[in-house]
Structures are given as C-alpha cells and as structure tokens.
PDB file of N, CA and C in Angstrom:
ATOM      1  N   UNK A   1     -54.647 -30.289  94.226  1.00  0.00           N
ATOM      2  CA  UNK A   1     -55.742 -31.058  93.725  1.00  0.00           C
ATOM      3  C   UNK A   1     -55.421 -31.565  92.334  1.00  0.00           C
ATOM      4  N   UNK A   2     -55.795 -32.785  92.040  1.00  0.00           N
ATOM      5  CA  UNK A   2     -55.595 -33.301  90.702  1.00  0.00           C
ATOM      6  C   UNK A   2     -56.747 -34.225  90.354  1.00  0.00           C
ATOM      7  N   UNK A   3     -56.776 -34.656  89.121  1.00  0.00           N
ATOM      8  CA  UNK A   3     -57.852 -35.529  88.685  1.00  0.00           C
ATOM      9  C   UNK A   3     -58.791 -34.806  87.746  1.00  0.00           C
ATOM     10  N   UNK A   4     -59.818 -35.502  87.348  1.00  0.00           N
ATOM     11  CA  UNK A   4     -60.718 -34.966  86.333  1.00  0.00           C
ATOM     12  C   UNK A   4     -61.433 -33.699  86.762  1.00  0.00           C
ATOM     13  N   UNK A   5     -61.985 -33.664  87.949  1.00  0.00           N
ATOM     14  CA  UNK A   5     -62.752 -32.501  88.375  1.00  0.00           C
ATOM     15  C   UNK A   5     -61.898 -31.420  89.014  1.00  0.00           C
ATOM     16  N   UNK A   6     -60.758 -31.769  89.540  1.00  0.00           N
ATOM     17  CA  UNK A   6     -59.884 -30.786  90.161  1.00  0.00           C
ATOM     18  C   UNK A   6     -58.521 -30.822  89.522  1.00  0.00           C
ATOM     19  N   UNK A   7     -58.466 -30.594  88.240  1.00  0.00           N
ATOM     20  CA  UNK A   7     -57.226 -30.702  87.487  1.00  0.00           C
ATOM     21  C   UNK A   7     -56.151 -29.802  88.072  1.00  0.00           C
ATOM     22  N   UNK A   8     -54.928 -30.279  88.029  1.00  0.00           N
ATOM     23  CA  UNK A   8     -53.806 -29.575  88.612  1.00  0.00           C
ATOM     24  C   UNK A   8     -53.157 -28.639  87.601  1.00  0.00           C
ATOM     25  N   UNK A   9     -52.713 -27.512  88.080  1.00  0.00           N
ATOM     26  CA  UNK A   9     -51.964 -26.558  87.264  1.00  0.00           C
ATOM     27  C   UNK A   9     -50.746 -26.150  88.078  1.00  0.00           C
ATOM     28  N   UNK A  10     -49.906 -27.125  88.401  1.00  0.00           N
ATOM     29  CA  UNK A  10     -48.795 -26.915  89.314  1.00  0.00           C
ATOM     30  C   UNK A  10     -47.805 -25.871  88.806  1.00  0.00           C
ATOM     31  N   UNK A  11     -47.629 -25.776  87.502  1.00  0.00           N
ATOM     32  CA  UNK A  11     -46.687 -24.800  86.949  1.00  0.00           C
ATOM     33  C   UNK A  11     -47.362 -23.470  86.625  1.00  0.00           C
ATOM     34  N   UNK A  12     -48.626 -23.345  86.976  1.00  0.00           N
ATOM     35  CA  UNK A  12     -49.415 -22.130  86.805  1.00  0.00           C
ATOM     36  C   UNK A  12     -49.414 -21.607  85.371  1.00  0.00           C
ATOM     37  N   UNK A  13     -49.415 -22.510  84.414  1.00  0.00           N
ATOM     38  CA  UNK A  13     -49.467 -22.104  83.009  1.00  0.00           C
ATOM     39  C   UNK A  13     -50.777 -21.403  82.674  1.00  0.00           C
ATOM     40  N   UNK A  14     -51.852 -21.840  83.322  1.00  0.00           N
ATOM     41  CA  UNK A  14     -53.156 -21.247  83.026  1.00  0.00           C
ATOM     42  C   UNK A  14     -53.305 -19.867  83.634  1.00  0.00           C
ATOM     43  N   UNK A  15     -52.450 -19.522  84.582  1.00  0.00           N
ATOM     44  CA  UNK A  15     -52.449 -18.176  85.154  1.00  0.00           C
ATOM     45  C   UNK A  15     -51.581 -17.260  84.297  1.00  0.00           C
ATOM     46  N   UNK A  16     -50.432 -17.763  83.879  1.00  0.00           N
ATOM     47  CA  UNK A  16     -49.480 -16.979  83.095  1.00  0.00           C
ATOM     48  C   UNK A  16     -49.994 -16.758  81.667  1.00  0.00           C
ATOM     49  N   UNK A  17     -50.521 -17.805  81.058  1.00  0.00           N
ATOM     50  CA  UNK A  17     -50.990 -17.745  79.669  1.00  0.00           C
ATOM     51  C   UNK A  17     -52.395 -18.336  79.608  1.00  0.00           C
ATOM     52  N   UNK A  18     -53.405 -17.572  80.019  1.00  0.00           N
ATOM     53  CA  UNK A  18     -54.760 -18.125  80.123  1.00  0.00           C
ATOM     54  C   UNK A  18     -55.445 -18.306  78.764  1.00  0.00           C
ATOM     55  N   UNK A  19     -56.432 -19.185  78.760  1.00  0.00           N
ATOM     56  CA  UNK A  19     -57.294 -19.370  77.602  1.00  0.00           C
ATOM     57  C   UNK A  19     -58.339 -18.270  77.587  1.00  0.00           C
ATOM     58  N   UNK A  20     -58.874 -18.029  76.418  1.00  0.00           N
ATOM     59  CA  UNK A  20     -59.986 -17.109  76.243  1.00  0.00           C
ATOM     60  C   UNK A  20     -60.992 -17.831  75.361  1.00  0.00           C
ATOM     61  N   UNK A  21     -62.236 -17.398  75.390  1.00  0.00           N
ATOM     62  CA  UNK A  21     -63.219 -18.034  74.534  1.00  0.00           C
ATOM     63  C   UNK A  21     -64.235 -17.010  74.056  1.00  0.00           C
ATOM     64  N   UNK A  22     -64.884 -17.371  72.950  1.00  0.00           N
ATOM     65  CA  UNK A  22     -65.919 -16.530  72.378  1.00  0.00           C
ATOM     66  C   UNK A  22     -67.030 -17.443  71.895  1.00  0.00           C
ATOM     67  N   UNK A  23     -68.267 -17.077  72.190  1.00  0.00           N
ATOM     68  CA  UNK A  23     -69.419 -17.851  71.755  1.00  0.00           C
ATOM     69  C   UNK A  23     -69.992 -17.165  70.509  1.00  0.00           C
ATOM     70  N   UNK A  24     -70.099 -17.915  69.430  1.00  0.00           N
ATOM     71  CA  UNK A  24     -70.603 -17.351  68.186  1.00  0.00           C
ATOM     72  C   UNK A  24     -72.136 -17.337  68.182  1.00  0.00           C
ATOM     73  N   UNK A  25     -72.711 -16.649  67.205  1.00  0.00           N
ATOM     74  CA  UNK A  25     -74.170 -16.603  67.079  1.00  0.00           C
ATOM     75  C   UNK A  25     -74.757 -17.989  66.826  1.00  0.00           C
ATOM     76  N   UNK A  26     -73.995 -18.857  66.184  1.00  0.00           N
ATOM     77  CA  UNK A  26     -74.456 -20.208  65.889  1.00  0.00           C
ATOM     78  C   UNK A  26     -74.349 -21.134  67.099  1.00  0.00           C
ATOM     79  N   UNK A  27     -73.721 -20.672  68.184  1.00  0.00           N
ATOM     80  CA  UNK A  27     -73.587 -21.469  69.392  1.00  0.00           C
ATOM     81  C   UNK A  27     -72.265 -22.199  69.525  1.00  0.00           C
ATOM     82  N   UNK A  28     -71.373 -22.048  68.573  1.00  0.00           N
ATOM     83  CA  UNK A  28     -70.042 -22.654  68.668  1.00  0.00           C
ATOM     84  C   UNK A  28     -69.199 -21.861  69.656  1.00  0.00           C
ATOM     85  N   UNK A  29     -68.196 -22.526  70.212  1.00  0.00           N
ATOM     86  CA  UNK A  29     -67.272 -21.880  71.134  1.00  0.00           C
ATOM     87  C   UNK A  29     -65.887 -21.894  70.499  1.00  0.00           C
ATOM     88  N   UNK A  30     -65.311 -20.720  70.315  1.00  0.00           N
ATOM     89  CA  UNK A  30     -63.955 -20.603  69.783  1.00  0.00           C
ATOM     90  C   UNK A  30     -63.022 -20.410  70.971  1.00  0.00           C
ATOM     91  N   UNK A  31     -62.141 -21.376  71.181  1.00  0.00           N
ATOM     92  CA  UNK A  31     -61.180 -21.340  72.278  1.00  0.00           C
ATOM     93  C   UNK A  31     -59.871 -20.797  71.734  1.00  0.00           C
ATOM     94  N   UNK A  32     -59.321 -19.793  72.404  1.00  0.00           N
ATOM     95  CA  UNK A  32     -58.061 -19.208  71.948  1.00  0.00           C
ATOM     96  C   UNK A  32     -57.089 -19.081  73.105  1.00  0.00           C
ATOM     97  N   UNK A  33     -55.837 -18.969  72.741  1.00  0.00           N
ATOM     98  CA  UNK A  33     -54.765 -18.799  73.732  1.00  0.00           C
ATOM     99  C   UNK A  33     -53.661 -18.008  73.068  1.00  0.00           C
ATOM    100  N   UNK A  34     -53.225 -16.973  73.734  1.00  0.00           N
ATOM    101  CA  UNK A  34     -52.180 -16.134  73.172  1.00  0.00           C
ATOM    102  C   UNK A  34     -52.633 -15.394  71.934  1.00  0.00           C
ATOM    103  N   UNK A  35     -53.933 -15.109  71.836  1.00  0.00           N
ATOM    104  CA  UNK A  35     -54.453 -14.384  70.700  1.00  0.00           C
ATOM    105  C   UNK A  35     -54.719 -15.218  69.466  1.00  0.00           C
ATOM    106  N   UNK A  36     -54.486 -16.534  69.544  1.00  0.00           N
ATOM    107  CA  UNK A  36     -54.684 -17.422  68.398  1.00  0.00           C
ATOM    108  C   UNK A  36     -55.746 -18.454  68.725  1.00  0.00           C
ATOM    109  N   UNK A  37     -56.651 -18.684  67.791  1.00  0.00           N
ATOM    110  CA  UNK A  37     -57.673 -19.711  67.972  1.00  0.00           C
ATOM    111  C   UNK A  37     -56.997 -21.078  67.954  1.00  0.00           C
ATOM    112  N   UNK A  38     -57.280 -21.887  68.973  1.00  0.00           N
ATOM    113  CA  UNK A  38     -56.690 -23.221  69.039  1.00  0.00           C
ATOM    114  C   UNK A  38     -57.712 -24.315  68.799  1.00  0.00           C
ATOM    115  N   UNK A  39     -59.014 -23.977  68.925  1.00  0.00           N
ATOM    116  CA  UNK A  39     -60.038 -25.007  68.787  1.00  0.00           C
ATOM    117  C   UNK A  39     -61.390 -24.346  68.616  1.00  0.00           C
ATOM    118  N   UNK A  40     -62.243 -24.973  67.831  1.00  0.00           N
ATOM    119  CA  UNK A  40     -63.637 -24.562  67.742  1.00  0.00           C
ATOM    120  C   UNK A  40     -64.480 -25.756  68.146  1.00  0.00           C
ATOM    121  N   UNK A  41     -65.307 -25.565  69.150  1.00  0.00           N
ATOM    122  CA  UNK A  41     -66.184 -26.626  69.640  1.00  0.00           C
ATOM    123  C   UNK A  41     -67.589 -26.308  69.143  1.00  0.00           C
ATOM    124  N   UNK A  42     -68.233 -27.275  68.531  1.00  0.00           N
ATOM    125  CA  UNK A  42     -69.566 -27.053  68.008  1.00  0.00           C
ATOM    126  C   UNK A  42     -70.553 -28.099  68.489  1.00  0.00           C
ATOM    127  N   UNK A  43     -71.797 -27.923  68.133  1.00  0.00           N
ATOM    128  CA  UNK A  43     -72.840 -28.899  68.421  1.00  0.00           C
ATOM    129  C   UNK A  43     -73.144 -29.045  69.895  1.00  0.00           C
ATOM    130  N   UNK A  44     -73.451 -30.280  70.287  1.00  0.00           N
ATOM    131  CA  UNK A  44     -73.800 -30.557  71.680  1.00  0.00           C
ATOM    132  C   UNK A  44     -72.621 -30.347  72.618  1.00  0.00           C
ATOM    133  N   UNK A  45     -71.418 -30.578  72.127  1.00  0.00           N
ATOM    134  CA  UNK A  45     -70.224 -30.327  72.944  1.00  0.00           C
ATOM    135  C   UNK A  45     -70.110 -28.866  73.332  1.00  0.00           C
ATOM    136  N   UNK A  46     -70.434 -27.995  72.392  1.00  0.00           N
ATOM    137  CA  UNK A  46     -70.400 -26.556  72.669  1.00  0.00           C
ATOM    138  C   UNK A  46     -71.476 -26.175  73.671  1.00  0.00           C
ATOM    139  N   UNK A  47     -72.654 -26.755  73.544  1.00  0.00           N
ATOM    140  CA  UNK A  47     -73.739 -26.461  74.481  1.00  0.00           C
ATOM    141  C   UNK A  47     -73.370 -26.889  75.897  1.00  0.00           C
ATOM    142  N   UNK A  48     -72.757 -28.067  76.024  1.00  0.00           N
ATOM    143  CA  UNK A  48     -72.315 -28.534  77.350  1.00  0.00           C
ATOM    144  C   UNK A  48     -71.210 -27.645  77.908  1.00  0.00           C
ATOM    145  N   UNK A  49     -70.268 -27.236  77.040  1.00  0.00           N
ATOM    146  CA  UNK A  49     -69.165 -26.387  77.474  1.00  0.00           C
ATOM    147  C   UNK A  49     -69.674 -25.028  77.940  1.00  0.00           C
ATOM    148  N   UNK A  50     -70.598 -24.424  77.201  1.00  0.00           N
ATOM    149  CA  UNK A  50     -71.155 -23.121  77.584  1.00  0.00           C
ATOM    150  C   UNK A  50     -71.859 -23.229  78.938  1.00  0.00           C
ATOM    151  N   UNK A  51     -72.638 -24.293  79.129  1.00  0.00           N
ATOM    152  CA  UNK A  51     -73.341 -24.476  80.403  1.00  0.00           C
ATOM    153  C   UNK A  51     -72.346 -24.628  81.551  1.00  0.00           C
ATOM    154  N   UNK A  52     -71.283 -25.382  81.328  1.00  0.00           N
ATOM    155  CA  UNK A  52     -70.274 -25.579  82.372  1.00  0.00           C
ATOM    156  C   UNK A  52     -69.512 -24.281  82.650  1.00  0.00           C
ATOM    157  N   UNK A  53     -69.216 -23.511  81.608  1.00  0.00           N
ATOM    158  CA  UNK A  53     -68.497 -22.254  81.787  1.00  0.00           C
ATOM    159  C   UNK A  53     -69.332 -21.233  82.565  1.00  0.00           C
ATOM    160  N   UNK A  54     -70.634 -21.256  82.376  1.00  0.00           N
ATOM    161  CA  UNK A  54     -71.504 -20.328  83.102  1.00  0.00           C
ATOM    162  C   UNK A  54     -71.534 -20.626  84.594  1.00  0.00           C
ATOM    163  N   UNK A  55     -71.340 -21.887  84.972  1.00  0.00           N
ATOM    164  CA  UNK A  55     -71.333 -22.274  86.384  1.00  0.00           C
ATOM    165  C   UNK A  55     -69.955 -22.160  87.028  1.00  0.00           C
ATOM    166  N   UNK A  56     -68.907 -22.049  86.222  1.00  0.00           N
ATOM    167  CA  UNK A  56     -67.537 -22.143  86.718  1.00  0.00           C
ATOM    168  C   UNK A  56     -66.974 -20.795  87.155  1.00  0.00           C
ATOM    169  N   UNK A  57     -66.054 -20.862  88.133  1.00  0.00           N
ATOM    170  CA  UNK A  57     -65.273 -19.667  88.448  1.00  0.00           C
ATOM    171  C   UNK A  57     -64.111 -19.601  87.451  1.00  0.00           C
ATOM    172  N   UNK A  58     -63.249 -18.605  87.575  1.00  0.00           N
ATOM    173  CA  UNK A  58     -62.188 -18.389  86.581  1.00  0.00           C
ATOM    174  C   UNK A  58     -61.223 -19.578  86.483  1.00  0.00           C
ATOM    175  N   UNK A  59     -60.807 -20.124  87.615  1.00  0.00           N
ATOM    176  CA  UNK A  59     -59.885 -21.254  87.612  1.00  0.00           C
ATOM    177  C   UNK A  59     -60.530 -22.485  86.971  1.00  0.00           C
ATOM    178  N   UNK A  60     -61.752 -22.759  87.329  1.00  0.00           N
ATOM    179  CA  UNK A  60     -62.455 -23.901  86.742  1.00  0.00           C
ATOM    180  C   UNK A  60     -62.666 -23.692  85.251  1.00  0.00           C
ATOM    181  N   UNK A  61     -62.965 -22.466  84.846  1.00  0.00           N
ATOM    182  CA  UNK A  61     -63.161 -22.169  83.432  1.00  0.00           C
ATOM    183  C   UNK A  61     -61.882 -22.434  82.643  1.00  0.00           C
ATOM    184  N   UNK A  62     -60.732 -22.061  83.209  1.00  0.00           N
ATOM    185  CA  UNK A  62     -59.465 -22.318  82.528  1.00  0.00           C
ATOM    186  C   UNK A  62     -59.229 -23.808  82.337  1.00  0.00           C
ATOM    187  N   UNK A  63     -59.560 -24.601  83.342  1.00  0.00           N
ATOM    188  CA  UNK A  63     -59.392 -26.046  83.231  1.00  0.00           C
ATOM    189  C   UNK A  63     -60.371 -26.640  82.219  1.00  0.00           C
ATOM    190  N   UNK A  64     -61.589 -26.134  82.183  1.00  0.00           N
ATOM    191  CA  UNK A  64     -62.560 -26.603  81.192  1.00  0.00           C
ATOM    192  C   UNK A  64     -62.092 -26.286  79.777  1.00  0.00           C
ATOM    193  N   UNK A  65     -61.572 -25.090  79.572  1.00  0.00           N
ATOM    194  CA  UNK A  65     -61.090 -24.693  78.251  1.00  0.00           C
ATOM    195  C   UNK A  65     -59.858 -25.496  77.846  1.00  0.00           C
ATOM    196  N   UNK A  66     -58.977 -25.769  78.801  1.00  0.00           N
ATOM    197  CA  UNK A  66     -57.795 -26.580  78.514  1.00  0.00           C
ATOM    198  C   UNK A  66     -58.208 -27.988  78.108  1.00  0.00           C
ATOM    199  N   UNK A  67     -59.168 -28.547  78.822  1.00  0.00           N
ATOM    200  CA  UNK A  67     -59.646 -29.885  78.503  1.00  0.00           C
ATOM    201  C   UNK A  67     -60.342 -29.898  77.142  1.00  0.00           C
ATOM    202  N   UNK A  68     -61.115 -28.875  76.860  1.00  0.00           N
ATOM    203  CA  UNK A  68     -61.829 -28.807  75.588  1.00  0.00           C
ATOM    204  C   UNK A  68     -60.886 -28.677  74.404  1.00  0.00           C
ATOM    205  N   UNK A  69     -59.753 -28.011  74.610  1.00  0.00           N
ATOM    206  CA  UNK A  69     -58.817 -27.806  73.507  1.00  0.00           C
ATOM    207  C   UNK A  69     -58.176 -29.110  73.064  1.00  0.00           C
ATOM    208  N   UNK A  70     -58.080 -30.079  73.961  1.00  0.00           N
ATOM    209  CA  UNK A  70     -57.554 -31.384  73.590  1.00  0.00           C
ATOM    210  C   UNK A  70     -56.053 -31.506  73.604  1.00  0.00           C
ATOM    211  N   UNK A  71     -55.329 -30.428  73.515  1.00  0.00           N
ATOM    212  CA  UNK A  71     -53.872 -30.498  73.465  1.00  0.00           C
ATOM    213  C   UNK A  71     -53.223 -30.364  74.832  1.00  0.00           C
ATOM    214  N   UNK A  72     -54.008 -30.260  75.864  1.00  0.00           N
ATOM    215  CA  UNK A  72     -53.461 -30.000  77.184  1.00  0.00           C
ATOM    216  C   UNK A  72     -53.908 -31.049  78.184  1.00  0.00           C
ATOM    217  N   UNK A  73     -54.160 -32.244  77.720  1.00  0.00           N
ATOM    218  CA  UNK A  73     -54.689 -33.304  78.574  1.00  0.00           C
ATOM    219  C   UNK A  73     -53.606 -34.161  79.212  1.00  0.00           C
ATOM    220  N   UNK A  74     -52.509 -34.342  78.539  1.00  0.00           N
ATOM    221  CA  UNK A  74     -51.566 -35.364  78.948  1.00  0.00           C
ATOM    222  C   UNK A  74     -50.597 -34.931  80.035  1.00  0.00           C
ATOM    223  N   UNK A  75     -50.415 -33.649  80.208  1.00  0.00           N
ATOM    224  CA  UNK A  75     -49.514 -33.175  81.246  1.00  0.00           C
ATOM    225  C   UNK A  75     -48.056 -33.149  80.852  1.00  0.00           C
ATOM    226  N   UNK A  76     -47.738 -33.488  79.615  1.00  0.00           N
ATOM    227  CA  UNK A  76     -46.336 -33.522  79.205  1.00  0.00           C
ATOM    228  C   UNK A  76     -46.041 -32.481  78.132  1.00  0.00           C
ATOM    229  N   UNK A  77     -46.849 -31.425  78.102  1.00  0.00           N
ATOM    230  CA  UNK A  77     -46.639 -30.380  77.119  1.00  0.00           C
ATOM    231  C   UNK A  77     -45.382 -29.587  77.467  1.00  0.00           C
ATOM    232  N   UNK A  78     -44.769 -29.065  76.443  1.00  0.00           N
ATOM    233  CA  UNK A  78     -43.542 -28.296  76.647  1.00  0.00           C
ATOM    234  C   UNK A  78     -43.853 -26.803  76.667  1.00  0.00           C
ATOM    235  N   UNK A  79     -43.019 -26.047  77.371  1.00  0.00           N
ATOM    236  CA  UNK A  79     -43.192 -24.593  77.430  1.00  0.00           C
ATOM    237  C   UNK A  79     -42.835 -23.949  76.135  1.00  0.00           C
TER     238      UNK A  79
END
C-alpha cells in the first residue's frame, strides 16, 4: 500500500526504529525517535494529531508520527 492514507514502509524502518510520542500538559505533542526529540507539534496541529493517534493502530500511528515529523515525507532518506 502506498499514498497519503496508506503510506508505504517497504524497508520496515518504522518497525526497526519506531517513533515515540508524549503529550504535554499544554497539549503539545513531542515526537521522538531513538530517544531523541525530533519535533514538537503544537496548537491545532497537535490537537488533530492527538485525535488521529487515538483512532490509529500501531502501524498507522507510526505513519502519522513520521508524517508529522516532516523529515520522512520524501522517501529518499538515508539509513
């Protein structure tokens, strides 16, 4: 599967090195990978992300977090 709603993870990077997230008291979402924070999403974007994460299974959540981080959109990232 590929595309916006069914993003592809053909090399299984999201299984090997998954994203993690934490919701702060202020409602921001801190996205981390490998123990390091890679992005903080705030405001309405954070509210939409939290709502989507609550509805998502683990695979969908990983794709949502990858998309939210912004650095994993193009498909040409290096290992």
